[in-house]
PDB file of N, CA and C in Angstrom:
ATOM      1  N   UNK A   1      13.716 -50.809 -23.612  1.00  0.00           N
ATOM      2  CA  UNK A   1      14.067 -49.593 -24.319  1.00  0.00           C
ATOM      3  C   UNK A   1      15.438 -49.762 -24.971  1.00  0.00           C
ATOM      4  N   UNK A   2      16.492 -50.027 -24.213  1.00  0.00           N
ATOM      5  CA  UNK A   2      17.808 -50.255 -24.798  1.00  0.00           C
ATOM      6  C   UNK A   2      18.487 -48.979 -25.244  1.00  0.00           C
ATOM      7  N   UNK A   3      19.628 -49.148 -25.883  1.00  0.00           N
ATOM      8  CA  UNK A   3      20.368 -47.979 -26.348  1.00  0.00           C
ATOM      9  C   UNK A   3      19.869 -47.530 -27.717  1.00  0.00           C
ATOM     10  N   UNK A   4      20.237 -46.311 -28.089  1.00  0.00           N
ATOM     11  CA  UNK A   4      19.828 -45.723 -29.362  1.00  0.00           C
ATOM     12  C   UNK A   4      20.452 -46.499 -30.524  1.00  0.00           C
ATOM     13  N   UNK A   5      19.683 -46.662 -31.581  1.00  0.00           N
ATOM     14  CA  UNK A   5      20.148 -47.356 -32.789  1.00  0.00           C
ATOM     15  C   UNK A   5      21.225 -46.522 -33.467  1.00  0.00           C
ATOM     16  N   UNK A   6      22.363 -47.151 -33.788  1.00  0.00           N
ATOM     17  CA  UNK A   6      23.479 -46.433 -34.397  1.00  0.00           C
ATOM     18  C   UNK A   6      23.342 -46.273 -35.905  1.00  0.00           C
ATOM     19  N   UNK A   7      22.734 -47.246 -36.566  1.00  0.00           N
ATOM     20  CA  UNK A   7      22.623 -47.228 -38.020  1.00  0.00           C
ATOM     21  C   UNK A   7      21.308 -46.561 -38.425  1.00  0.00           C
ATOM     22  N   UNK A   8      21.344 -45.561 -39.307  1.00  0.00           N
ATOM     23  CA  UNK A   8      20.108 -44.933 -39.774  1.00  0.00           C
ATOM     24  C   UNK A   8      19.203 -45.970 -40.452  1.00  0.00           C
ATOM     25  N   UNK A   9      17.877 -45.818 -40.340  1.00  0.00           N
ATOM     26  CA  UNK A   9      16.945 -46.808 -40.901  1.00  0.00           C
ATOM     27  C   UNK A   9      17.143 -47.096 -42.390  1.00  0.00           C
ATOM     28  N   UNK A  10      17.476 -46.102 -43.198  1.00  0.00           N
ATOM     29  CA  UNK A  10      17.652 -46.337 -44.634  1.00  0.00           C
ATOM     30  C   UNK A  10      18.903 -47.184 -44.907  1.00  0.00           C
ATOM     31  N   UNK A  11      19.949 -46.995 -44.111  1.00  0.00           N
ATOM     32  CA  UNK A  11      21.155 -47.815 -44.242  1.00  0.00           C
ATOM     33  C   UNK A  11      20.867 -49.241 -43.778  1.00  0.00           C
ATOM     34  N   UNK A  12      20.100 -49.366 -42.703  1.00  0.00           N
ATOM     35  CA  UNK A  12      19.744 -50.690 -42.207  1.00  0.00           C
ATOM     36  C   UNK A  12      18.899 -51.444 -43.232  1.00  0.00           C
ATOM     37  N   UNK A  13      17.970 -50.765 -43.903  1.00  0.00           N
ATOM     38  CA  UNK A  13      17.162 -51.403 -44.945  1.00  0.00           C
ATOM     39  C   UNK A  13      18.048 -51.875 -46.096  1.00  0.00           C
ATOM     40  N   UNK A  14      19.047 -51.080 -46.445  1.00  0.00           N
ATOM     41  CA  UNK A  14      19.994 -51.464 -47.490  1.00  0.00           C
ATOM     42  C   UNK A  14      20.800 -52.685 -47.060  1.00  0.00           C
ATOM     43  N   UNK A  15      21.171 -52.743 -45.806  1.00  0.00           N
ATOM     44  CA  UNK A  15      21.914 -53.883 -45.277  1.00  0.00           C
ATOM     45  C   UNK A  15      21.066 -55.158 -45.327  1.00  0.00           C
ATOM     46  N   UNK A  16      19.796 -55.056 -44.969  1.00  0.00           N
ATOM     47  CA  UNK A  16      18.883 -56.213 -45.040  1.00  0.00           C
ATOM     48  C   UNK A  16      18.789 -56.700 -46.483  1.00  0.00           C
ATOM     49  N   UNK A  17      18.654 -55.778 -47.427  1.00  0.00           N
ATOM     50  CA  UNK A  17      18.582 -56.129 -48.848  1.00  0.00           C
ATOM     51  C   UNK A  17      19.855 -56.870 -49.271  1.00  0.00           C
ATOM     52  N   UNK A  18      21.005 -56.360 -48.855  1.00  0.00           N
ATOM     53  CA  UNK A  18      22.290 -56.981 -49.186  1.00  0.00           C
ATOM     54  C   UNK A  18      22.391 -58.384 -48.577  1.00  0.00           C
ATOM     55  N   UNK A  19      21.939 -58.544 -47.349  1.00  0.00           N
ATOM     56  CA  UNK A  19      21.963 -59.856 -46.692  1.00  0.00           C
ATOM     57  C   UNK A  19      21.133 -60.852 -47.486  1.00  0.00           C
ATOM     58  N   UNK A  20      19.938 -60.440 -47.947  1.00  0.00           N
ATOM     59  CA  UNK A  20      19.098 -61.336 -48.742  1.00  0.00           C
ATOM     60  C   UNK A  20      19.728 -61.663 -50.095  1.00  0.00           C
ATOM     61  N   UNK A  21      20.357 -60.683 -50.740  1.00  0.00           N
ATOM     62  CA  UNK A  21      21.036 -60.945 -52.015  1.00  0.00           C
ATOM     63  C   UNK A  21      22.169 -61.946 -51.845  1.00  0.00           C
ATOM     64  N   UNK A  22      22.954 -61.772 -50.816  1.00  0.00           N
ATOM     65  CA  UNK A  22      24.061 -62.690 -50.568  1.00  0.00           C
ATOM     66  C   UNK A  22      23.543 -64.098 -50.266  1.00  0.00           C
ATOM     67  N   UNK A  23      22.437 -64.190 -49.548  1.00  0.00           N
ATOM     68  CA  UNK A  23      21.845 -65.498 -49.245  1.00  0.00           C
ATOM     69  C   UNK A  23      21.393 -66.183 -50.527  1.00  0.00           C
ATOM     70  N   UNK A  24      20.795 -65.432 -51.445  1.00  0.00           N
ATOM     71  CA  UNK A  24      20.359 -66.001 -52.724  1.00  0.00           C
ATOM     72  C   UNK A  24      21.534 -66.519 -53.546  1.00  0.00           C
ATOM     73  N   UNK A  25      22.690 -65.905 -53.370  1.00  0.00           N
ATOM     74  CA  UNK A  25      23.888 -66.304 -54.112  1.00  0.00           C
ATOM     75  C   UNK A  25      24.693 -67.384 -53.396  1.00  0.00           C
ATOM     76  N   UNK A  26      24.171 -67.860 -52.263  1.00  0.00           N
ATOM     77  CA  UNK A  26      24.823 -68.944 -51.554  1.00  0.00           C
ATOM     78  C   UNK A  26      25.844 -68.510 -50.522  1.00  0.00           C
ATOM     79  N   UNK A  27      25.808 -67.238 -50.141  1.00  0.00           N
ATOM     80  CA  UNK A  27      26.747 -66.722 -49.151  1.00  0.00           C
ATOM     81  C   UNK A  27      25.997 -66.140 -47.960  1.00  0.00           C
ATOM     82  N   UNK A  28      25.226 -66.983 -47.307  1.00  0.00           N
ATOM     83  CA  UNK A  28      24.433 -66.528 -46.174  1.00  0.00           C
ATOM     84  C   UNK A  28      25.324 -66.157 -44.999  1.00  0.00           C
ATOM     85  N   UNK A  29      24.887 -65.176 -44.251  1.00  0.00           N
ATOM     86  CA  UNK A  29      25.590 -64.722 -43.065  1.00  0.00           C
ATOM     87  C   UNK A  29      25.242 -65.644 -41.905  1.00  0.00           C
ATOM     88  N   UNK A  30      26.236 -66.072 -41.155  1.00  0.00           N
ATOM     89  CA  UNK A  30      25.970 -66.907 -39.988  1.00  0.00           C
ATOM     90  C   UNK A  30      25.915 -66.028 -38.743  1.00  0.00           C
ATOM     91  N   UNK A  31      25.276 -66.544 -37.708  1.00  0.00           N
ATOM     92  CA  UNK A  31      25.186 -65.792 -36.460  1.00  0.00           C
ATOM     93  C   UNK A  31      26.578 -65.553 -35.888  1.00  0.00           C
ATOM     94  N   UNK A  32      27.450 -66.541 -35.988  1.00  0.00           N
ATOM     95  CA  UNK A  32      28.793 -66.362 -35.431  1.00  0.00           C
ATOM     96  C   UNK A  32      29.575 -65.287 -36.191  1.00  0.00           C
ATOM     97  N   UNK A  33      29.327 -65.137 -37.493  1.00  0.00           N
ATOM     98  CA  UNK A  33      29.990 -64.081 -38.265  1.00  0.00           C
ATOM     99  C   UNK A  33      29.438 -62.703 -37.889  1.00  0.00           C
ATOM    100  N   UNK A  34      28.127 -62.651 -37.620  1.00  0.00           N
ATOM    101  CA  UNK A  34      27.493 -61.370 -37.300  1.00  0.00           C
ATOM    102  C   UNK A  34      27.690 -60.995 -35.835  1.00  0.00           C
ATOM    103  N   UNK A  35      27.745 -61.982 -34.974  1.00  0.00           N
ATOM    104  CA  UNK A  35      27.773 -61.732 -33.530  1.00  0.00           C
ATOM    105  C   UNK A  35      26.373 -61.923 -32.971  1.00  0.00           C
ATOM    106  N   UNK A  36      26.245 -62.748 -31.941  1.00  0.00           N
ATOM    107  CA  UNK A  36      24.916 -63.072 -31.404  1.00  0.00           C
ATOM    108  C   UNK A  36      24.143 -61.846 -30.954  1.00  0.00           C
ATOM    109  N   UNK A  37      24.779 -61.000 -30.189  1.00  0.00           N
ATOM    110  CA  UNK A  37      24.078 -59.823 -29.659  1.00  0.00           C
ATOM    111  C   UNK A  37      23.586 -58.933 -30.785  1.00  0.00           C
ATOM    112  N   UNK A  38      24.495 -58.652 -31.758  1.00  0.00           N
ATOM    113  CA  UNK A  38      24.115 -57.791 -32.877  1.00  0.00           C
ATOM    114  C   UNK A  38      23.002 -58.438 -33.694  1.00  0.00           C
ATOM    115  N   UNK A  39      23.159 -59.729 -34.011  1.00  0.00           N
ATOM    116  CA  UNK A  39      22.180 -60.393 -34.864  1.00  0.00           C
ATOM    117  C   UNK A  39      20.788 -60.372 -34.254  1.00  0.00           C
ATOM    118  N   UNK A  40      20.671 -60.760 -32.999  1.00  0.00           N
ATOM    119  CA  UNK A  40      19.338 -60.829 -32.390  1.00  0.00           C
ATOM    120  C   UNK A  40      18.710 -59.448 -32.213  1.00  0.00           C
ATOM    121  N   UNK A  41      19.507 -58.421 -31.960  1.00  0.00           N
ATOM    122  CA  UNK A  41      18.973 -57.055 -31.907  1.00  0.00           C
ATOM    123  C   UNK A  41      18.523 -56.620 -33.307  1.00  0.00           C
ATOM    124  N   UNK A  42      19.323 -56.953 -34.312  1.00  0.00           N
ATOM    125  CA  UNK A  42      18.998 -56.615 -35.705  1.00  0.00           C
ATOM    126  C   UNK A  42      17.742 -57.365 -36.154  1.00  0.00           C
ATOM    127  N   UNK A  43      17.649 -58.648 -35.814  1.00  0.00           N
ATOM    128  CA  UNK A  43      16.503 -59.480 -36.180  1.00  0.00           C
ATOM    129  C   UNK A  43      15.231 -58.970 -35.523  1.00  0.00           C
ATOM    130  N   UNK A  44      15.331 -58.468 -34.312  1.00  0.00           N
ATOM    131  CA  UNK A  44      14.162 -57.940 -33.610  1.00  0.00           C
ATOM    132  C   UNK A  44      13.565 -56.757 -34.372  1.00  0.00           C
ATOM    133  N   UNK A  45      14.438 -55.966 -35.018  1.00  0.00           N
ATOM    134  CA  UNK A  45      13.967 -54.815 -35.785  1.00  0.00           C
ATOM    135  C   UNK A  45      13.464 -55.206 -37.172  1.00  0.00           C
ATOM    136  N   UNK A  46      13.880 -56.357 -37.697  1.00  0.00           N
ATOM    137  CA  UNK A  46      13.422 -56.804 -39.019  1.00  0.00           C
ATOM    138  C   UNK A  46      12.992 -58.267 -38.942  1.00  0.00           C
ATOM    139  N   UNK A  47      11.689 -58.508 -38.760  1.00  0.00           N
ATOM    140  CA  UNK A  47      11.198 -59.878 -38.590  1.00  0.00           C
ATOM    141  C   UNK A  47      11.341 -60.751 -39.840  1.00  0.00           C
ATOM    142  N   UNK A  48      11.701 -60.184 -40.983  1.00  0.00           N
ATOM    143  CA  UNK A  48      11.896 -60.990 -42.198  1.00  0.00           C
ATOM    144  C   UNK A  48      13.169 -61.826 -42.135  1.00  0.00           C
ATOM    145  N   UNK A  49      14.096 -61.439 -41.267  1.00  0.00           N
ATOM    146  CA  UNK A  49      15.328 -62.207 -41.116  1.00  0.00           C
ATOM    147  C   UNK A  49      15.038 -63.458 -40.300  1.00  0.00           C
ATOM    148  N   UNK A  50      15.701 -64.538 -40.640  1.00  0.00           N
ATOM    149  CA  UNK A  50      15.509 -65.781 -39.898  1.00  0.00           C
ATOM    150  C   UNK A  50      16.787 -66.600 -39.920  1.00  0.00           C
ATOM    151  N   UNK A  51      16.829 -67.567 -39.044  1.00  0.00           N
ATOM    152  CA  UNK A  51      17.958 -68.487 -38.983  1.00  0.00           C
ATOM    153  C   UNK A  51      17.504 -69.791 -39.617  1.00  0.00           C
ATOM    154  N   UNK A  52      18.268 -70.256 -40.583  1.00  0.00           N
ATOM    155  CA  UNK A  52      17.912 -71.486 -41.290  1.00  0.00           C
ATOM    156  C   UNK A  52      19.114 -72.414 -41.341  1.00  0.00           C
ATOM    157  N   UNK A  53      18.818 -73.686 -41.430  1.00  0.00           N
ATOM    158  CA  UNK A  53      19.869 -74.675 -41.622  1.00  0.00           C
ATOM    159  C   UNK A  53      20.169 -74.721 -43.116  1.00  0.00           C
ATOM    160  N   UNK A  54      21.423 -74.646 -43.524  1.00  0.00           N
ATOM    161  CA  UNK A  54      21.739 -74.649 -44.959  1.00  0.00           C
ATOM    162  C   UNK A  54      21.391 -75.989 -45.611  1.00  0.00           C
ATOM    163  N   UNK A  55      20.992 -75.914 -46.879  1.00  0.00           N
ATOM    164  CA  UNK A  55      20.714 -77.120 -47.658  1.00  0.00           C
ATOM    165  C   UNK A  55      22.022 -77.805 -48.016  1.00  0.00           C
ATOM    166  N   UNK A  56      21.955 -79.104 -48.102  1.00  0.00           N
ATOM    167  CA  UNK A  56      23.139 -79.859 -48.513  1.00  0.00           C
ATOM    168  C   UNK A  56      23.400 -79.627 -50.000  1.00  0.00           C
ATOM    169  N   UNK A  57      24.646 -79.709 -50.394  1.00  0.00           N
ATOM    170  CA  UNK A  57      25.031 -79.573 -51.785  1.00  0.00           C
ATOM    171  C   UNK A  57      24.590 -80.818 -52.546  1.00  0.00           C
ATOM    172  N   UNK A  58      23.866 -80.617 -53.630  1.00  0.00           N
ATOM    173  CA  UNK A  58      23.396 -81.765 -54.396  1.00  0.00           C
ATOM    174  C   UNK A  58      24.578 -82.468 -55.076  1.00  0.00           C
ATOM    175  N   UNK A  59      24.396 -83.728 -55.374  1.00  0.00           N
ATOM    176  CA  UNK A  59      25.443 -84.511 -56.020  1.00  0.00           C
ATOM    177  C   UNK A  59      25.796 -83.922 -57.388  1.00  0.00           C
ATOM    178  N   UNK A  60      24.776 -83.480 -58.123  1.00  0.00           N
ATOM    179  CA  UNK A  60      25.014 -82.900 -59.453  1.00  0.00           C
ATOM    180  C   UNK A  60      25.860 -81.628 -59.360  1.00  0.00           C
ATOM    181  N   UNK A  61      25.561 -80.781 -58.370  1.00  0.00           N
ATOM    182  CA  UNK A  61      26.343 -79.551 -58.210  1.00  0.00           C
ATOM    183  C   UNK A  61      27.759 -79.871 -57.754  1.00  0.00           C
ATOM    184  N   UNK A  62      27.886 -80.841 -56.881  1.00  0.00           N
ATOM    185  CA  UNK A  62      29.218 -81.221 -56.408  1.00  0.00           C
ATOM    186  C   UNK A  62      30.070 -81.751 -57.555  1.00  0.00           C
ATOM    187  N   UNK A  63      29.468 -82.540 -58.426  1.00  0.00           N
ATOM    188  CA  UNK A  63      30.214 -83.081 -59.577  1.00  0.00           C
ATOM    189  C   UNK A  63      30.586 -81.986 -60.569  1.00  0.00           C
ATOM    190  N   UNK A  64      29.758 -80.954 -60.646  1.00  0.00           N
ATOM    191  CA  UNK A  64      30.024 -79.854 -61.565  1.00  0.00           C
ATOM    192  C   UNK A  64      31.099 -78.904 -61.087  1.00  0.00           C
ATOM    193  N   UNK A  65      31.537 -79.073 -59.859  1.00  0.00           N
ATOM    194  CA  UNK A  65      32.558 -78.200 -59.298  1.00  0.00           C
ATOM    195  C   UNK A  65      33.945 -78.815 -59.470  1.00  0.00           C
ATOM    196  N   UNK A  66      34.322 -79.015 -60.719  1.00  0.00           N
ATOM    197  CA  UNK A  66      35.683 -79.491 -60.971  1.00  0.00           C
ATOM    198  C   UNK A  66      36.415 -78.414 -61.770  1.00  0.00           C
ATOM    199  N   UNK A  67      37.705 -78.471 -61.769  1.00  0.00           N
ATOM    200  CA  UNK A  67      38.515 -77.408 -62.367  1.00  0.00           C
ATOM    201  C   UNK A  67      38.204 -77.201 -63.847  1.00  0.00           C
ATOM    202  N   UNK A  68      38.045 -78.274 -64.598  1.00  0.00           N
ATOM    203  CA  UNK A  68      37.788 -78.148 -66.040  1.00  0.00           C
ATOM    204  C   UNK A  68      36.469 -77.431 -66.314  1.00  0.00           C
ATOM    205  N   UNK A  69      35.408 -77.828 -65.623  1.00  0.00           N
ATOM    206  CA  UNK A  69      34.104 -77.208 -65.851  1.00  0.00           C
ATOM    207  C   UNK A  69      34.068 -75.756 -65.384  1.00  0.00           C
ATOM    208  N   UNK A  70      34.697 -75.473 -64.263  1.00  0.00           N
ATOM    209  CA  UNK A  70      34.723 -74.099 -63.757  1.00  0.00           C
ATOM    210  C   UNK A  70      35.524 -73.205 -64.705  1.00  0.00           C
ATOM    211  N   UNK A  71      36.646 -73.689 -65.191  1.00  0.00           N
ATOM    212  CA  UNK A  71      37.456 -72.930 -66.151  1.00  0.00           C
ATOM    213  C   UNK A  71      36.665 -72.657 -67.425  1.00  0.00           C
ATOM    214  N   UNK A  72      35.973 -73.674 -67.919  1.00  0.00           N
ATOM    215  CA  UNK A  72      35.149 -73.527 -69.125  1.00  0.00           C
ATOM    216  C   UNK A  72      34.059 -72.479 -68.912  1.00  0.00           C
ATOM    217  N   UNK A  73      33.407 -72.508 -67.743  1.00  0.00           N
ATOM    218  CA  UNK A  73      32.361 -71.528 -67.431  1.00  0.00           C
ATOM    219  C   UNK A  73      32.907 -70.112 -67.494  1.00  0.00           C
ATOM    220  N   UNK A  74      34.051 -69.872 -66.826  1.00  0.00           N
ATOM    221  CA  UNK A  74      34.586 -68.513 -66.790  1.00  0.00           C
ATOM    222  C   UNK A  74      35.122 -68.069 -68.164  1.00  0.00           C
ATOM    223  N   UNK A  75      35.591 -68.977 -68.963  1.00  0.00           N
ATOM    224  CA  UNK A  75      35.994 -68.621 -70.325  1.00  0.00           C
ATOM    225  C   UNK A  75      34.771 -68.173 -71.135  1.00  0.00           C
ATOM    226  N   UNK A  76      33.688 -68.905 -71.007  1.00  0.00           N
ATOM    227  CA  UNK A  76      32.441 -68.527 -71.692  1.00  0.00           C
ATOM    228  C   UNK A  76      31.921 -67.198 -71.151  1.00  0.00           C
ATOM    229  N   UNK A  77      32.003 -67.013 -69.838  1.00  0.00           N
ATOM    230  CA  UNK A  77      31.519 -65.795 -69.188  1.00  0.00           C
ATOM    231  C   UNK A  77      32.301 -64.577 -69.675  1.00  0.00           C
ATOM    232  N   UNK A  78      33.608 -64.692 -69.792  1.00  0.00           N
ATOM    233  CA  UNK A  78      34.443 -63.585 -70.240  1.00  0.00           C
ATOM    234  C   UNK A  78      34.157 -63.212 -71.693  1.00  0.00           C
ATOM    235  N   UNK A  79      33.713 -64.176 -72.493  1.00  0.00           N
ATOM    236  CA  UNK A  79      33.445 -63.912 -73.905  1.00  0.00           C
ATOM    237  C   UNK A  79      32.074 -63.321 -74.173  1.00  0.00           C
ATOM    238  N   UNK A  80      31.251 -63.205 -73.154  1.00  0.00           N
ATOM    239  CA  UNK A  80      29.888 -62.631 -73.337  1.00  0.00           C
ATOM    240  C   UNK A  80      29.934 -61.136 -73.451  1.00  0.00           C
TER     241      UNK A  80
END
Protein backbone atom coordinates (compact mmCIF):
# COMPACT_ATOMS: atom_id res chain seq x y z
CA UNK A 1 0.00 0.00 0.00
CA UNK A 2 2.64 2.58 1.00
CA UNK A 3 2.14 6.26 1.65
CA UNK A 4 -0.18 8.57 -0.28
CA UNK A 5 1.16 9.99 -3.55
CA UNK A 6 2.21 13.62 -3.10
CA UNK A 7 2.19 14.70 -6.75
CA UNK A 8 -1.22 14.95 -8.49
CA UNK A 9 -1.53 12.54 -11.47
CA UNK A 10 -1.71 15.33 -14.08
CA UNK A 11 1.51 16.90 -12.74
CA UNK A 12 3.18 13.49 -12.70
CA UNK A 13 2.16 12.90 -16.34
CA UNK A 14 3.68 16.28 -17.23
CA UNK A 15 6.88 15.30 -15.42
CA UNK A 16 7.08 12.02 -17.37
CA UNK A 17 6.64 13.98 -20.62
CA UNK A 18 9.43 16.37 -19.58
CA UNK A 19 11.74 13.47 -18.68
CA UNK A 20 11.22 11.95 -22.15
CA UNK A 21 11.83 15.32 -23.88
CA UNK A 22 15.05 15.84 -21.98
CA UNK A 23 16.18 12.30 -22.84
CA UNK A 24 15.56 12.98 -26.55
CA UNK A 25 17.74 16.09 -26.26
CA UNK A 26 20.58 14.13 -24.67
CA UNK A 27 19.97 15.12 -21.06
CA UNK A 28 18.65 11.93 -19.54
CA UNK A 29 17.99 11.80 -15.82
CA UNK A 30 20.16 9.37 -13.89
CA UNK A 31 18.98 7.34 -10.92
CA UNK A 32 21.55 9.03 -8.69
CA UNK A 33 20.21 12.47 -9.71
CA UNK A 34 16.61 11.39 -9.04
CA UNK A 35 17.27 9.32 -5.93
CA UNK A 36 16.86 5.53 -5.89
CA UNK A 37 13.81 5.42 -3.66
CA UNK A 38 11.99 8.15 -5.59
CA UNK A 39 12.92 6.75 -9.00
CA UNK A 40 11.80 3.19 -8.35
CA UNK A 41 8.52 4.35 -6.77
CA UNK A 42 7.97 6.69 -9.75
CA UNK A 43 8.88 3.93 -12.24
CA UNK A 44 6.43 1.55 -10.60
CA UNK A 45 3.63 4.02 -11.37
CA UNK A 46 4.79 4.57 -14.99
CA UNK A 47 6.08 1.40 -16.70
CA UNK A 48 7.20 3.42 -19.77
CA UNK A 49 10.20 4.66 -17.81
CA UNK A 50 13.31 2.51 -17.99
CA UNK A 51 16.97 2.50 -17.12
CA UNK A 52 19.28 2.43 -20.11
CA UNK A 53 23.00 2.56 -20.66
CA UNK A 54 23.86 5.74 -22.59
CA UNK A 55 25.17 5.44 -26.14
CA UNK A 56 28.75 6.39 -26.76
CA UNK A 57 29.42 9.67 -28.54
CA UNK A 58 30.16 9.01 -32.19
CA UNK A 59 33.49 10.13 -33.61
CA UNK A 60 31.74 12.47 -36.06
CA UNK A 61 29.81 14.19 -33.27
CA UNK A 62 32.90 14.45 -31.12
CA UNK A 63 34.83 16.09 -33.96
CA UNK A 64 31.97 18.51 -34.54
CA UNK A 65 32.16 19.74 -30.98
CA UNK A 66 34.91 22.29 -31.45
CA UNK A 67 34.73 25.97 -30.63
CA UNK A 68 34.73 27.19 -34.25
CA UNK A 69 31.88 24.94 -35.37
CA UNK A 70 29.79 25.58 -32.26
CA UNK A 71 30.25 29.35 -32.63
CA UNK A 72 29.28 29.14 -36.31
CA UNK A 73 26.14 27.14 -35.42
CA UNK A 74 24.96 29.68 -32.85
CA UNK A 75 25.66 32.59 -35.20
CA UNK A 76 23.50 30.92 -37.85
CA UNK A 77 20.86 30.09 -35.21
CA UNK A 78 20.65 33.71 -34.02
CA UNK A 79 20.16 34.92 -37.60
CA UNK A 80 17.12 32.69 -38.23
